[in-house]
């Protein structure tokens, strides 16, 4: 399935930074890049250990009704440097038109410099199903019942 997501580049964004793209034909996520403000483009943005920052992408999105964008970490950044997203997956709703920023956290032991144009996360375009919620008088019985948080055991 293919769907078109509109992209709008902010006026102060660097037009040389590539738009989101898929690294391989089988990629589920499109890589998105840091598009830093002019004063940080040469030096990068430093994330200290345990620091959280919103990294700008320079983009705004137009997501079709019935879809969302999920923002997820890049596994290489997480493994090699401890860079991840504290709210993963982040959700961008179809009616949001503000700047697309990526909330990163440095869980590593060393400061990490986010370079201008660096791939910082991936976006997944996914369909959304909205439910109707109704109060019920009873719950049906299941084999699991009310067991949660590890109740199925460690395998």
N, C-alpha and C. Protein backbone atom coordinates (compact mmCIF):
# COMPACT_ATOMS: atom_id res chain seq x y z
N UNK A 1 0.85 -1.17 0.00
CA UNK A 1 0.00 0.00 0.00
C UNK A 1 0.89 1.23 0.00
N UNK A 2 0.50 2.24 -0.71
CA UNK A 2 1.24 3.49 -0.76
C UNK A 2 0.30 4.65 -0.49
N UNK A 3 0.78 5.63 0.25
CA UNK A 3 0.00 6.81 0.56
C UNK A 3 0.93 8.01 0.43
N UNK A 4 0.40 9.15 0.05
CA UNK A 4 1.23 10.35 -0.09
C UNK A 4 1.14 11.20 1.17
N UNK A 5 2.30 11.52 1.72
CA UNK A 5 2.41 12.44 2.85
C UNK A 5 3.02 13.73 2.31
N UNK A 6 2.31 14.83 2.50
CA UNK A 6 2.82 16.11 2.04
C UNK A 6 3.91 16.62 2.98
N UNK A 7 4.95 17.18 2.42
CA UNK A 7 6.04 17.77 3.20
C UNK A 7 6.15 19.24 2.89
N UNK A 8 6.31 20.04 3.93
CA UNK A 8 6.49 21.48 3.80
C UNK A 8 7.79 21.82 4.52
N UNK A 9 8.71 22.50 3.83
CA UNK A 9 9.98 22.86 4.45
C UNK A 9 9.86 24.25 5.05
N UNK A 10 10.21 24.40 6.34
CA UNK A 10 10.18 25.70 7.01
C UNK A 10 11.13 26.67 6.31
N UNK A 11 10.79 27.96 6.39
CA UNK A 11 11.57 29.00 5.68
C UNK A 11 13.03 29.04 6.12
N UNK A 12 13.31 28.79 7.39
CA UNK A 12 14.70 28.87 7.87
C UNK A 12 15.43 27.53 7.80
N UNK A 13 14.79 26.51 7.25
CA UNK A 13 15.42 25.19 7.12
C UNK A 13 16.44 25.20 5.99
N UNK A 14 17.42 24.33 6.11
CA UNK A 14 18.45 24.16 5.08
C UNK A 14 17.89 23.24 3.99
N UNK A 15 17.70 23.78 2.79
CA UNK A 15 17.12 23.02 1.68
C UNK A 15 18.06 21.93 1.18
N UNK A 16 19.31 21.94 1.60
CA UNK A 16 20.28 20.91 1.20
C UNK A 16 20.11 19.61 2.00
N UNK A 17 19.43 19.67 3.14
CA UNK A 17 19.21 18.47 3.93
C UNK A 17 18.17 17.61 3.20
N UNK A 18 18.51 16.34 2.93
CA UNK A 18 17.57 15.49 2.19
C UNK A 18 16.25 15.29 2.91
N UNK A 19 15.20 15.13 2.12
CA UNK A 19 13.88 14.82 2.66
C UNK A 19 13.89 13.39 3.20
N UNK A 20 12.89 13.02 4.01
CA UNK A 20 12.82 11.63 4.48
C UNK A 20 12.86 10.66 3.31
N UNK A 21 13.59 9.56 3.52
CA UNK A 21 13.66 8.55 2.46
C UNK A 21 13.92 7.18 3.07
N UNK A 22 13.60 6.16 2.27
CA UNK A 22 13.79 4.78 2.68
C UNK A 22 15.17 4.33 2.23
N UNK A 23 15.95 3.74 3.14
CA UNK A 23 17.32 3.32 2.84
C UNK A 23 17.36 2.16 1.86
N UNK A 24 16.38 1.26 1.94
CA UNK A 24 16.32 0.11 1.03
C UNK A 24 14.88 -0.10 0.60
N UNK A 25 14.66 -0.85 -0.47
CA UNK A 25 13.27 -1.10 -0.91
C UNK A 25 12.41 -1.80 0.14
N UNK A 26 13.01 -2.56 1.04
CA UNK A 26 12.24 -3.26 2.06
C UNK A 26 12.12 -2.53 3.38
N UNK A 27 12.62 -1.31 3.45
CA UNK A 27 12.57 -0.55 4.70
C UNK A 27 11.14 -0.18 5.06
N UNK A 28 10.78 -0.37 6.33
CA UNK A 28 9.46 0.04 6.82
C UNK A 28 9.47 1.50 7.21
N UNK A 29 10.62 1.99 7.69
CA UNK A 29 10.73 3.36 8.17
C UNK A 29 11.56 4.22 7.23
N UNK A 30 11.11 5.44 7.05
CA UNK A 30 11.88 6.43 6.27
C UNK A 30 12.75 7.22 7.24
N UNK A 31 14.03 7.33 6.93
CA UNK A 31 14.95 8.08 7.78
C UNK A 31 14.65 9.56 7.72
N UNK A 32 14.62 10.19 8.90
CA UNK A 32 14.47 11.64 8.96
C UNK A 32 15.72 12.22 9.58
N UNK A 33 16.04 13.44 9.17
CA UNK A 33 17.32 14.05 9.50
C UNK A 33 17.19 15.31 10.33
N UNK A 34 18.25 15.59 11.07
CA UNK A 34 18.34 16.83 11.83
C UNK A 34 18.54 17.98 10.85
N UNK A 35 17.76 19.03 11.02
CA UNK A 35 17.93 20.25 10.23
C UNK A 35 18.08 21.38 11.25
N UNK A 36 19.33 21.59 11.65
CA UNK A 36 19.63 22.47 12.77
C UNK A 36 19.56 23.94 12.39
N UNK A 37 19.30 24.81 13.37
CA UNK A 37 19.32 26.25 13.11
C UNK A 37 20.72 26.69 12.68
N UNK A 38 20.80 27.77 11.95
CA UNK A 38 22.05 28.27 11.40
C UNK A 38 23.21 28.29 12.39
N UNK A 39 23.05 28.78 13.62
CA UNK A 39 24.19 28.84 14.53
C UNK A 39 24.77 27.47 14.91
N UNK A 40 23.99 26.39 14.76
CA UNK A 40 24.47 25.06 15.16
C UNK A 40 24.89 24.17 13.99
N UNK A 41 24.75 24.66 12.78
CA UNK A 41 25.00 23.80 11.62
C UNK A 41 26.45 23.34 11.51
N UNK A 42 27.39 24.16 11.91
CA UNK A 42 28.80 23.76 11.82
C UNK A 42 29.25 22.94 13.02
N UNK A 43 28.72 23.24 14.20
CA UNK A 43 29.19 22.59 15.43
C UNK A 43 28.34 21.41 15.84
N UNK A 44 27.07 21.37 15.45
CA UNK A 44 26.15 20.33 15.87
C UNK A 44 25.50 20.68 17.20
N UNK A 45 24.59 19.83 17.60
CA UNK A 45 23.85 20.00 18.84
C UNK A 45 24.35 18.93 19.82
N UNK A 46 24.85 19.36 20.97
CA UNK A 46 25.42 18.42 21.94
C UNK A 46 24.33 17.94 22.89
N UNK A 47 24.22 16.62 23.00
CA UNK A 47 23.32 15.98 23.96
C UNK A 47 24.18 15.36 25.05
N UNK A 48 24.08 15.91 26.24
CA UNK A 48 24.83 15.37 27.37
C UNK A 48 24.16 14.07 27.85
N UNK A 49 24.89 13.20 28.56
CA UNK A 49 24.27 11.99 29.10
C UNK A 49 23.02 12.34 29.91
N UNK A 50 21.95 11.61 29.67
CA UNK A 50 20.63 11.74 30.30
C UNK A 50 19.89 13.02 29.90
N UNK A 51 20.40 13.77 28.97
CA UNK A 51 19.72 14.98 28.51
C UNK A 51 18.72 14.65 27.41
N UNK A 52 17.58 15.34 27.44
CA UNK A 52 16.55 15.24 26.42
C UNK A 52 16.47 16.57 25.67
N UNK A 53 16.37 16.50 24.35
CA UNK A 53 16.21 17.71 23.54
C UNK A 53 15.33 17.40 22.33
N UNK A 54 14.59 18.40 21.91
CA UNK A 54 13.85 18.28 20.66
C UNK A 54 14.77 18.76 19.54
N UNK A 55 15.02 17.87 18.60
CA UNK A 55 15.89 18.17 17.46
C UNK A 55 15.00 18.52 16.27
N UNK A 56 15.18 19.70 15.69
CA UNK A 56 14.32 20.10 14.57
C UNK A 56 14.66 19.35 13.28
N UNK A 57 13.63 19.15 12.47
CA UNK A 57 13.82 18.52 11.15
C UNK A 57 13.65 19.53 10.03
N UNK A 58 13.12 20.71 10.35
CA UNK A 58 12.86 21.71 9.32
C UNK A 58 11.63 21.42 8.49
N UNK A 59 10.85 20.44 8.90
CA UNK A 59 9.69 20.01 8.12
C UNK A 59 8.40 20.15 8.90
N UNK A 60 7.32 20.24 8.14
CA UNK A 60 5.95 20.07 8.63
C UNK A 60 5.32 19.05 7.70
N UNK A 61 4.31 18.34 8.19
CA UNK A 61 3.75 17.26 7.40
C UNK A 61 2.25 17.42 7.23
N UNK A 62 1.76 16.90 6.11
CA UNK A 62 0.33 16.80 5.84
C UNK A 62 0.04 15.31 5.69
N UNK A 63 -0.54 14.74 6.74
CA UNK A 63 -0.82 13.31 6.79
C UNK A 63 -2.28 13.11 6.40
N UNK A 64 -2.54 12.19 5.48
CA UNK A 64 -3.94 11.96 5.09
C UNK A 64 -4.79 11.49 6.26
N UNK A 65 -6.08 11.86 6.24
CA UNK A 65 -7.02 11.37 7.25
C UNK A 65 -6.97 9.85 7.27
N UNK A 66 -7.07 9.28 8.46
CA UNK A 66 -7.06 7.83 8.60
C UNK A 66 -5.66 7.25 8.76
N UNK A 67 -4.64 8.15 8.84
CA UNK A 67 -3.26 7.70 9.01
C UNK A 67 -2.59 8.50 10.12
N UNK A 68 -1.48 8.01 10.59
CA UNK A 68 -0.61 8.69 11.54
C UNK A 68 0.82 8.47 11.09
N UNK A 69 1.74 9.23 11.67
CA UNK A 69 3.16 8.94 11.53
C UNK A 69 3.67 8.57 12.91
N UNK A 70 4.39 7.46 12.97
CA UNK A 70 5.06 7.05 14.19
C UNK A 70 6.54 7.36 14.05
N UNK A 71 7.11 7.99 15.06
CA UNK A 71 8.54 8.30 15.07
C UNK A 71 9.22 7.29 15.98
N UNK A 72 10.22 6.61 15.44
CA UNK A 72 10.91 5.54 16.16
C UNK A 72 12.41 5.77 16.14
N UNK A 73 13.11 5.17 17.13
CA UNK A 73 14.57 5.33 17.17
C UNK A 73 15.25 4.61 16.01
N UNK A 74 16.46 5.01 15.74
CA UNK A 74 17.33 4.28 14.81
C UNK A 74 18.15 3.30 15.66
N UNK A 75 18.12 2.05 15.29
CA UNK A 75 18.76 1.02 16.11
C UNK A 75 20.27 1.22 16.24
N UNK A 76 20.92 1.69 15.19
CA UNK A 76 22.36 1.91 15.26
C UNK A 76 22.74 2.98 16.26
N UNK A 77 21.98 4.08 16.30
CA UNK A 77 22.25 5.14 17.28
C UNK A 77 22.02 4.63 18.71
N UNK A 78 20.98 3.82 18.88
CA UNK A 78 20.69 3.28 20.20
C UNK A 78 21.78 2.33 20.66
N UNK A 79 22.21 1.43 19.78
CA UNK A 79 23.21 0.44 20.15
C UNK A 79 24.58 1.07 20.38
N UNK A 80 25.02 1.91 19.46
CA UNK A 80 26.38 2.44 19.52
C UNK A 80 26.55 3.60 20.49
N UNK A 81 25.50 4.41 20.68
CA UNK A 81 25.65 5.64 21.46
C UNK A 81 24.61 5.84 22.55
N UNK A 82 23.61 4.99 22.63
CA UNK A 82 22.57 5.17 23.63
C UNK A 82 21.58 6.27 23.30
N UNK A 83 21.51 6.65 22.03
CA UNK A 83 20.58 7.71 21.60
C UNK A 83 19.26 7.06 21.20
N UNK A 84 18.19 7.48 21.86
CA UNK A 84 16.88 6.90 21.59
C UNK A 84 15.80 7.95 21.79
N UNK A 85 14.57 7.53 21.74
CA UNK A 85 13.42 8.41 21.95
C UNK A 85 12.75 8.03 23.26
N UNK A 86 12.51 8.98 24.16
CA UNK A 86 11.90 8.63 25.44
C UNK A 86 10.42 8.30 25.32
N UNK A 87 9.79 8.68 24.24
CA UNK A 87 8.35 8.43 24.06
C UNK A 87 8.11 7.60 22.81
N UNK A 88 8.80 6.50 22.70
CA UNK A 88 8.74 5.75 21.47
C UNK A 88 7.59 4.75 21.46
N UNK A 89 6.82 4.61 20.41
CA UNK A 89 6.90 5.51 19.27
C UNK A 89 6.18 6.83 19.54
N UNK A 90 6.73 7.89 19.04
CA UNK A 90 6.04 9.17 19.08
C UNK A 90 4.97 9.18 18.00
N UNK A 91 3.86 9.80 18.27
CA UNK A 91 2.75 9.83 17.32
C UNK A 91 2.54 11.24 16.79
N UNK A 92 2.41 11.34 15.47
CA UNK A 92 2.02 12.60 14.84
C UNK A 92 0.64 12.36 14.23
N UNK A 93 -0.34 13.11 14.71
CA UNK A 93 -1.72 12.96 14.25
C UNK A 93 -1.92 13.65 12.91
N UNK A 94 -2.93 13.18 12.18
CA UNK A 94 -3.18 13.71 10.83
C UNK A 94 -3.59 15.18 10.82
N UNK A 95 -4.06 15.72 11.95
CA UNK A 95 -4.47 17.13 11.96
C UNK A 95 -3.40 18.06 12.52
N UNK A 96 -2.20 17.55 12.81
CA UNK A 96 -1.11 18.39 13.32
C UNK A 96 -0.40 19.07 12.15
N UNK A 97 -0.16 20.38 12.27
CA UNK A 97 0.53 21.13 11.22
C UNK A 97 1.74 21.91 11.72
N UNK A 98 2.16 21.66 12.94
CA UNK A 98 3.31 22.37 13.50
C UNK A 98 4.62 21.76 13.05
N UNK A 99 5.72 22.33 13.54
CA UNK A 99 7.05 21.82 13.17
C UNK A 99 7.25 20.39 13.64
N UNK A 100 7.90 19.60 12.81
CA UNK A 100 8.23 18.23 13.16
C UNK A 100 9.58 18.21 13.87
N UNK A 101 9.55 17.97 15.17
CA UNK A 101 10.75 17.83 15.97
C UNK A 101 10.83 16.42 16.51
N UNK A 102 12.05 15.95 16.75
CA UNK A 102 12.26 14.61 17.26
C UNK A 102 12.83 14.72 18.67
N UNK A 103 12.14 14.16 19.64
CA UNK A 103 12.59 14.19 21.02
C UNK A 103 13.61 13.08 21.22
N UNK A 104 14.88 13.46 21.38
CA UNK A 104 15.95 12.49 21.61
C UNK A 104 16.40 12.54 23.05
N UNK A 105 16.91 11.42 23.54
CA UNK A 105 17.52 11.34 24.85
C UNK A 105 18.84 10.58 24.69
N UNK A 106 19.84 11.02 25.43
CA UNK A 106 21.15 10.36 25.43
C UNK A 106 21.23 9.48 26.68
N UNK A 107 21.08 8.18 26.50
CA UNK A 107 21.20 7.23 27.60
C UNK A 107 22.63 6.70 27.72
N UNK A 108 23.52 7.20 26.87
CA UNK A 108 24.91 6.78 26.90
C UNK A 108 25.70 7.48 27.99
N UNK A 109 26.95 7.06 28.14
CA UNK A 109 27.83 7.60 29.18
C UNK A 109 28.60 8.83 28.71
N UNK A 110 28.62 9.10 27.42
CA UNK A 110 29.38 10.21 26.86
C UNK A 110 28.46 11.21 26.17
N UNK A 111 28.87 12.49 26.09
CA UNK A 111 28.10 13.45 25.28
C UNK A 111 28.05 12.97 23.83
N UNK A 112 26.96 13.29 23.16
CA UNK A 112 26.80 12.91 21.76
C UNK A 112 26.48 14.17 20.96
N UNK A 113 27.17 14.35 19.85
CA UNK A 113 26.94 15.50 18.99
C UNK A 113 26.04 15.08 17.83
N UNK A 114 24.85 15.68 17.77
CA UNK A 114 23.94 15.46 16.65
C UNK A 114 24.38 16.40 15.54
N UNK A 115 24.83 15.85 14.44
CA UNK A 115 25.33 16.65 13.32
C UNK A 115 24.18 17.13 12.45
N UNK A 116 24.37 18.29 11.86
CA UNK A 116 23.41 18.84 10.91
C UNK A 116 23.29 17.87 9.73
N UNK A 117 22.06 17.47 9.42
CA UNK A 117 21.81 16.55 8.30
C UNK A 117 21.88 15.08 8.68
N UNK A 118 22.25 14.78 9.92
CA UNK A 118 22.36 13.39 10.37
C UNK A 118 21.00 12.72 10.45
N UNK A 119 20.95 11.44 10.11
CA UNK A 119 19.73 10.65 10.27
C UNK A 119 19.53 10.40 11.77
N UNK A 120 18.40 10.89 12.32
CA UNK A 120 18.20 10.84 13.77
C UNK A 120 17.07 9.92 14.20
N UNK A 121 16.18 9.56 13.31
CA UNK A 121 15.04 8.72 13.66
C UNK A 121 14.44 8.18 12.37
N UNK A 122 13.41 7.38 12.51
CA UNK A 122 12.70 6.92 11.33
C UNK A 122 11.21 7.13 11.53
N UNK A 123 10.53 7.37 10.42
CA UNK A 123 9.09 7.58 10.49
C UNK A 123 8.38 6.43 9.78
N UNK A 124 7.32 5.98 10.43
CA UNK A 124 6.47 4.92 9.90
C UNK A 124 5.10 5.54 9.65
N UNK A 125 4.58 5.41 8.45
CA UNK A 125 3.23 5.87 8.15
C UNK A 125 2.31 4.67 8.35
N UNK A 126 1.29 4.84 9.21
CA UNK A 126 0.44 3.70 9.58
C UNK A 126 -1.03 4.10 9.59
N UNK A 127 -1.90 3.15 9.22
CA UNK A 127 -3.34 3.42 9.31
C UNK A 127 -3.78 3.49 10.76
N UNK A 128 -4.84 4.25 10.99
CA UNK A 128 -5.39 4.43 12.33
C UNK A 128 -6.84 3.96 12.33
N UNK A 129 -7.17 3.18 13.35
CA UNK A 129 -8.56 2.78 13.57
C UNK A 129 -9.02 3.47 14.84
N UNK A 130 -10.07 4.25 14.75
CA UNK A 130 -10.64 4.87 15.94
C UNK A 130 -11.80 4.01 16.44
N UNK A 131 -11.77 3.72 17.74
CA UNK A 131 -12.78 2.86 18.35
C UNK A 131 -13.94 3.68 18.90
N UNK A 132 -15.07 3.02 19.09
CA UNK A 132 -16.16 3.57 19.87
C UNK A 132 -16.04 2.95 21.25
N UNK A 133 -16.21 3.72 22.28
CA UNK A 133 -16.08 3.22 23.65
C UNK A 133 -17.46 3.14 24.28
N UNK A 134 -17.73 2.00 24.92
CA UNK A 134 -19.03 1.78 25.54
C UNK A 134 -18.82 1.12 26.88
N UNK A 135 -19.50 1.61 27.90
CA UNK A 135 -19.46 1.01 29.22
C UNK A 135 -20.25 -0.30 29.19
N UNK A 136 -19.68 -1.38 29.76
CA UNK A 136 -20.37 -2.67 29.81
C UNK A 136 -20.62 -3.05 31.27
N UNK A 137 -21.59 -3.92 31.48
CA UNK A 137 -21.96 -4.33 32.83
C UNK A 137 -21.06 -5.43 33.38
N UNK A 138 -20.54 -6.30 32.49
CA UNK A 138 -19.69 -7.42 32.93
C UNK A 138 -18.55 -7.61 31.94
N UNK A 139 -17.56 -8.37 32.39
CA UNK A 139 -16.44 -8.75 31.51
C UNK A 139 -16.56 -10.23 31.19
N UNK A 140 -16.25 -10.60 29.96
CA UNK A 140 -16.27 -12.01 29.62
C UNK A 140 -15.03 -12.70 30.20
N UNK A 141 -15.12 -14.00 30.41
CA UNK A 141 -14.02 -14.78 30.97
C UNK A 141 -13.03 -15.15 29.87
N UNK A 142 -11.74 -15.13 30.21
CA UNK A 142 -10.69 -15.57 29.29
C UNK A 142 -9.74 -16.48 30.05
N UNK A 143 -8.90 -17.20 29.34
CA UNK A 143 -7.93 -18.07 29.97
C UNK A 143 -6.92 -17.29 30.80
N UNK A 144 -6.62 -16.09 30.40
CA UNK A 144 -5.64 -15.27 31.12
C UNK A 144 -6.26 -14.55 32.31
N UNK A 145 -7.51 -14.16 32.17
CA UNK A 145 -8.17 -13.46 33.27
C UNK A 145 -7.55 -12.10 33.53
N UNK A 146 -7.28 -11.80 34.82
CA UNK A 146 -6.73 -10.49 35.15
C UNK A 146 -5.23 -10.52 35.34
N UNK A 147 -4.56 -11.57 34.88
CA UNK A 147 -3.09 -11.65 35.01
C UNK A 147 -2.41 -10.69 34.06
N UNK A 148 -1.51 -9.90 34.58
CA UNK A 148 -0.77 -8.93 33.75
C UNK A 148 0.62 -8.74 34.28
N UNK A 149 1.40 -7.89 33.64
CA UNK A 149 2.75 -7.55 34.07
C UNK A 149 3.57 -8.78 34.42
N UNK A 150 3.81 -9.62 33.42
CA UNK A 150 4.66 -10.78 33.64
C UNK A 150 3.93 -12.03 34.06
N UNK A 151 2.62 -12.01 34.07
CA UNK A 151 1.84 -13.17 34.55
C UNK A 151 1.97 -14.38 33.65
N UNK A 152 2.38 -14.19 32.41
CA UNK A 152 2.50 -15.34 31.50
C UNK A 152 3.85 -16.03 31.67
N UNK A 153 4.71 -15.52 32.54
CA UNK A 153 5.98 -16.18 32.84
C UNK A 153 7.11 -15.76 31.94
N UNK A 154 8.28 -16.23 32.32
CA UNK A 154 9.49 -15.94 31.55
C UNK A 154 9.84 -17.15 30.71
N UNK A 155 10.05 -16.92 29.43
CA UNK A 155 10.38 -18.03 28.53
C UNK A 155 11.72 -17.83 27.92
